[in-house]
Protein backbone atom coordinates (compact mmCIF):
# COMPACT_ATOMS: atom_id res chain seq x y z
CA UNK A 1 131.97 70.02 101.29
CA UNK A 2 129.57 69.29 98.42
CA UNK A 3 127.75 72.16 96.70
CA UNK A 4 124.44 73.46 97.13
CA UNK A 5 122.38 73.06 94.35
CA UNK A 6 121.47 76.02 92.47
CA UNK A 7 118.02 77.58 93.42
CA UNK A 8 115.37 77.09 90.84
CA UNK A 9 114.46 79.81 88.59
CA UNK A 10 110.75 80.05 90.12
CA UNK A 11 112.27 80.17 93.76
CA UNK A 12 114.51 83.16 92.75
CA UNK A 13 111.80 84.95 91.36
CA UNK A 14 109.53 84.68 94.34
CA UNK A 15 112.61 85.98 96.38
CA UNK A 16 113.28 89.00 94.05
CA UNK A 17 109.61 89.97 93.90
CA UNK A 18 109.23 89.66 97.61
CA UNK A 19 112.33 91.84 98.21
CA UNK A 20 111.27 94.37 95.77
CA UNK A 21 107.80 94.40 96.84
CA UNK A 22 108.83 95.11 100.36
CA UNK A 23 111.03 97.59 99.53
CA UNK A 24 109.00 99.78 97.07
CA UNK A 25 105.54 98.56 97.32
CA UNK A 26 103.59 96.16 95.44
CA UNK A 27 101.86 98.62 92.96
CA UNK A 28 105.09 100.30 92.08
CA UNK A 29 106.79 97.01 91.06
CA UNK A 30 106.12 95.66 87.51
CA UNK A 31 107.12 92.00 86.56
CA UNK A 32 109.12 93.74 83.94
CA UNK A 33 111.19 95.20 86.72
CA UNK A 34 111.43 92.04 88.59
CA UNK A 35 112.83 90.29 85.35
CA UNK A 36 115.36 93.26 84.77
CA UNK A 37 116.46 92.81 88.66
CA UNK A 38 117.18 89.21 88.04
CA UNK A 39 118.63 89.79 84.68
CA UNK A 40 116.34 87.28 83.09
CA UNK A 41 113.93 87.82 79.96
CA UNK A 42 110.15 88.48 80.95
CA UNK A 43 109.37 85.55 78.95
CA UNK A 44 111.29 83.60 81.40
CA UNK A 45 109.30 85.21 84.35
CA UNK A 46 106.10 84.59 82.40
CA UNK A 47 106.81 80.98 82.14
CA UNK A 48 106.72 80.56 85.63
CA UNK A 49 104.28 82.83 86.62
CA UNK A 50 102.11 84.11 83.93
CA UNK A 51 100.26 86.77 85.62
CA UNK A 52 101.27 89.27 88.63
CA UNK A 53 98.52 87.98 90.77
CA UNK A 54 100.09 84.30 90.45
CA UNK A 55 103.28 85.66 92.00
CA UNK A 56 101.15 87.57 94.72
CA UNK A 57 99.12 84.33 95.51
CA UNK A 58 102.44 82.10 95.43
CA UNK A 59 104.04 84.44 98.32
CA UNK A 60 100.87 84.46 100.26
CA UNK A 61 101.05 80.59 100.39
CA UNK A 62 104.65 80.91 101.64
CA UNK A 63 103.49 83.18 104.40
CA UNK A 64 100.40 81.21 105.33
CA UNK A 65 102.34 78.17 106.09
CA UNK A 66 104.91 80.16 108.04
CA UNK A 67 102.31 82.04 109.78
CA UNK A 68 100.66 78.69 110.87
CA UNK A 69 103.63 77.72 112.85
CA UNK A 70 103.69 81.31 114.35
CA UNK A 71 100.21 81.39 115.63
CA UNK A 72 100.39 77.70 117.08
CA UNK A 73 103.44 79.33 119.17
CA UNK A 74 101.13 82.03 120.47
CA UNK A 75 98.53 79.62 121.13
CA UNK A 76 100.85 77.48 123.58
CA UNK A 77 102.26 80.68 125.52
CA UNK A 78 101.71 80.07 129.11
CA UNK A 79 104.21 82.81 130.45
CA UNK A 80 104.83 86.51 129.64
CA UNK A 81 108.18 85.84 128.17
CA UNK A 82 106.57 83.12 126.01
CA UNK A 83 103.98 85.45 124.64
CA UNK A 84 106.65 88.08 124.18
CA UNK A 85 108.72 85.68 122.08
CA UNK A 86 105.66 84.10 120.39
CA UNK A 87 104.42 87.84 119.23
CA UNK A 88 107.83 88.80 118.30
CA UNK A 89 107.88 85.75 115.70
CA UNK A 90 104.54 86.86 114.70
CA UNK A 91 105.50 90.19 113.75
CA UNK A 92 108.71 89.08 112.20
CA UNK A 93 106.61 87.49 109.72
CA UNK A 94 104.55 90.42 109.19
CA UNK A 95 107.85 92.37 108.56
CA UNK A 96 108.90 89.77 106.05
CA UNK A 97 105.90 89.87 104.12
CA UNK A 98 105.22 93.74 105.05
CA UNK A 99 104.13 94.47 101.46
CA UNK A 100 101.00 92.51 102.12
CA UNK A 101 100.11 94.55 105.06
CA UNK A 102 100.99 98.00 103.71
CA UNK A 103 99.48 97.41 100.14
CA UNK A 104 96.55 95.13 101.85
CA UNK A 105 93.59 96.96 100.52
CA UNK A 106 94.84 97.55 97.09
CA UNK A 107 95.74 93.80 96.69
CA UNK A 108 92.32 92.70 98.05
CA UNK A 109 90.27 94.95 95.68
CA UNK A 110 91.82 93.34 92.59
CA UNK A 111 92.77 89.78 93.80
CA UNK A 112 89.80 87.52 94.56
CA UNK A 113 91.66 84.69 95.59
CA UNK A 114 93.59 86.78 98.04
CA UNK A 115 90.38 88.59 99.28
CA UNK A 116 88.99 85.15 100.06
CA UNK A 117 92.09 84.00 102.23
CA UNK A 118 92.15 87.21 104.41
CA UNK A 119 89.24 86.58 106.59
CA UNK A 120 90.16 82.90 107.44
CA UNK A 121 93.54 84.24 108.26
CA UNK A 122 92.17 86.92 110.61
CA UNK A 123 90.04 84.45 112.34
CA UNK A 124 93.09 82.03 112.82
CA UNK A 125 95.02 85.09 114.15
CA UNK A 126 92.12 85.82 116.69
CA UNK A 127 91.79 82.33 117.62
CA UNK A 128 95.37 81.67 118.53
CA UNK A 129 95.47 84.87 120.67
CA UNK A 130 92.34 84.09 122.43
CA UNK A 131 94.08 80.78 123.36
CA UNK A 132 97.41 82.61 124.39
CA UNK A 133 95.07 84.93 126.71
CA UNK A 134 93.25 82.06 128.08
CA UNK A 135 96.45 80.16 128.62
CA UNK A 136 97.75 83.43 130.62
CA UNK A 137 94.91 83.33 132.48
CA UNK A 138 94.98 79.71 133.45
CA UNK A 139 98.42 80.38 135.15
CA UNK A 140 96.97 83.30 137.02
CA UNK A 141 98.87 85.83 135.00
CA UNK A 142 96.04 87.63 133.85
CA UNK A 143 92.72 88.63 135.48
CA UNK A 144 90.39 88.76 132.62
CA UNK A 145 86.99 87.37 131.90
CA UNK A 146 85.64 85.85 128.57
CA UNK A 147 84.58 89.03 127.05
CA UNK A 148 87.69 90.69 127.96
CA UNK A 149 89.46 88.11 126.01
CA UNK A 150 87.44 88.44 122.93
CA UNK A 151 87.77 92.17 123.01
CA UNK A 152 91.42 92.26 123.80
CA UNK A 153 92.40 89.42 121.21
CA UNK A 154 90.61 91.65 118.61
CA UNK A 155 92.33 94.60 119.62
CA UNK A 156 95.73 92.99 119.11
CA UNK A 157 94.64 91.59 115.65
CA UNK A 158 94.00 95.13 114.67
CA UNK A 159 97.31 96.14 116.34
CA UNK A 160 99.37 93.23 114.56
CA UNK A 161 97.43 93.99 111.34
CA UNK A 162 97.77 97.77 110.90
CA UNK A 163 101.09 98.26 112.96
CA UNK A 164 103.21 98.10 109.67
CA UNK A 165 100.73 100.90 108.09
CA UNK A 166 101.44 103.06 111.34
CA UNK A 167 105.37 102.26 110.88
CA UNK A 168 105.21 103.40 107.15
CA UNK A 169 102.76 106.49 107.93
CA UNK A 170 105.13 108.04 110.65
CA UNK A 171 108.23 107.92 108.41
CA UNK A 172 107.41 106.79 104.80
CA UNK A 173 110.86 107.09 103.38
CA UNK A 174 112.89 105.08 106.22
CA UNK A 175 110.21 103.01 108.13
CA UNK A 176 110.21 99.83 105.77
CA UNK A 177 113.62 99.60 104.91
CA UNK A 178 115.71 96.59 106.33
CA UNK A 179 118.08 98.71 108.85
CA UNK A 180 114.73 99.97 110.39
CA UNK A 181 113.63 96.31 111.48
CA UNK A 182 114.65 95.99 114.95
CA UNK A 183 113.28 99.09 116.15
CA UNK A 184 110.09 98.76 113.99
CA UNK A 185 109.59 95.32 115.63
CA UNK A 186 110.36 96.29 119.02
CA UNK A 187 107.78 99.10 118.75
CA UNK A 188 105.24 96.75 117.36
CA UNK A 189 105.53 94.12 120.05
CA UNK A 190 105.36 96.54 122.70
CA UNK A 191 102.16 97.87 121.28
CA UNK A 192 100.73 94.54 121.19
CA UNK A 193 101.77 93.73 124.49
CA UNK A 194 100.63 96.87 126.22
CA UNK A 195 97.00 95.86 125.38
CA UNK A 196 97.65 93.13 128.12
CA UNK A 197 98.97 95.42 130.86
CA UNK A 198 95.28 96.38 132.50
CA UNK A 199 94.79 92.57 133.02
CA UNK A 200 98.21 91.69 134.30
CA UNK A 201 98.82 90.67 138.04
CA UNK A 202 101.16 93.18 139.33
CA UNK A 203 103.93 90.67 140.03
CA UNK A 204 104.41 89.84 136.58
CA UNK A 205 103.91 93.46 135.04
CA UNK A 206 107.87 94.02 135.29
CA UNK A 207 108.20 91.17 132.64
CA UNK A 208 106.47 92.59 130.06
CA UNK A 209 109.22 93.70 127.59
CA UNK A 210 109.71 92.41 124.07
CA UNK A 211 112.38 89.70 123.45
CA UNK A 212 113.96 89.45 120.32
CA UNK A 213 115.46 86.15 119.10
CA UNK A 214 118.75 86.35 117.41
CA UNK A 215 118.28 83.62 114.82
CA UNK A 216 115.56 85.31 112.28
CA UNK A 217 116.70 86.87 109.33
CA UNK A 218 115.13 90.24 109.00
CA UNK A 219 116.71 91.68 105.91
CA UNK A 220 114.20 90.99 103.05
C-alpha cells in the first residue's frame, strides 16, 4: 500500500490552531503557543501565516465551504427525519469550529474581514432553514404560514448560533471538551427541533427526535 504524502506545514498549522482554539478559546492561544505545540519555529509559522487573523480567516474559509453543503442538505429536507439529520450535520460543523461561535463577538470586533463575512453567513442560514420549513409544509408535515416560516427560521438561526455559548455558560470547564460532543449535539439539535413542535401535525410529532450520523468525526 502506498504511503500517504506528508501533510503540508500550512495544513498542519490550521489543524493545530483549530484544535487549540476550540479547547482554550482563540483569545487564549498565541501563535507562539501554536508553534510550540507543533514543535516548529515561530518563524516557520509566520512564513505561512504572517498574522493571527490570517489563520482565523483561513479557518473560516474552510468552515464556510463545508457550511454550504450542510445548508444545501437543510434546504432539501422534506421529512422530519431528513430535517433532523441535516440539522445534526449543521450543528456538527458548529461544534467542529466552535471557537468561532464562543468567541464570535471578540473576533468580529478586531477582524474586519470576518465581520463582513458573518452577516451573509447568517442570511444563508436563514434562507436554507426557510426552504426546509417550506418543504416540510409542502409535504403536509407543518401547518405554518409565511410569517411563521420567517419568524421560526429566525429563531432557529439564533438557537444554532448561540447554542454553543449556552453550553459553555452552563458548564464552562467541561462543555466544550471533545468527550462532551455527543450530549451537547443532541441537546442542540433538540432545542432547534423543538421550535417546530407547535406547527407539526400530530401524526408526525413522535418522529421529532435528533438522529446522529455515526460517520462524522467530532473530536476537533
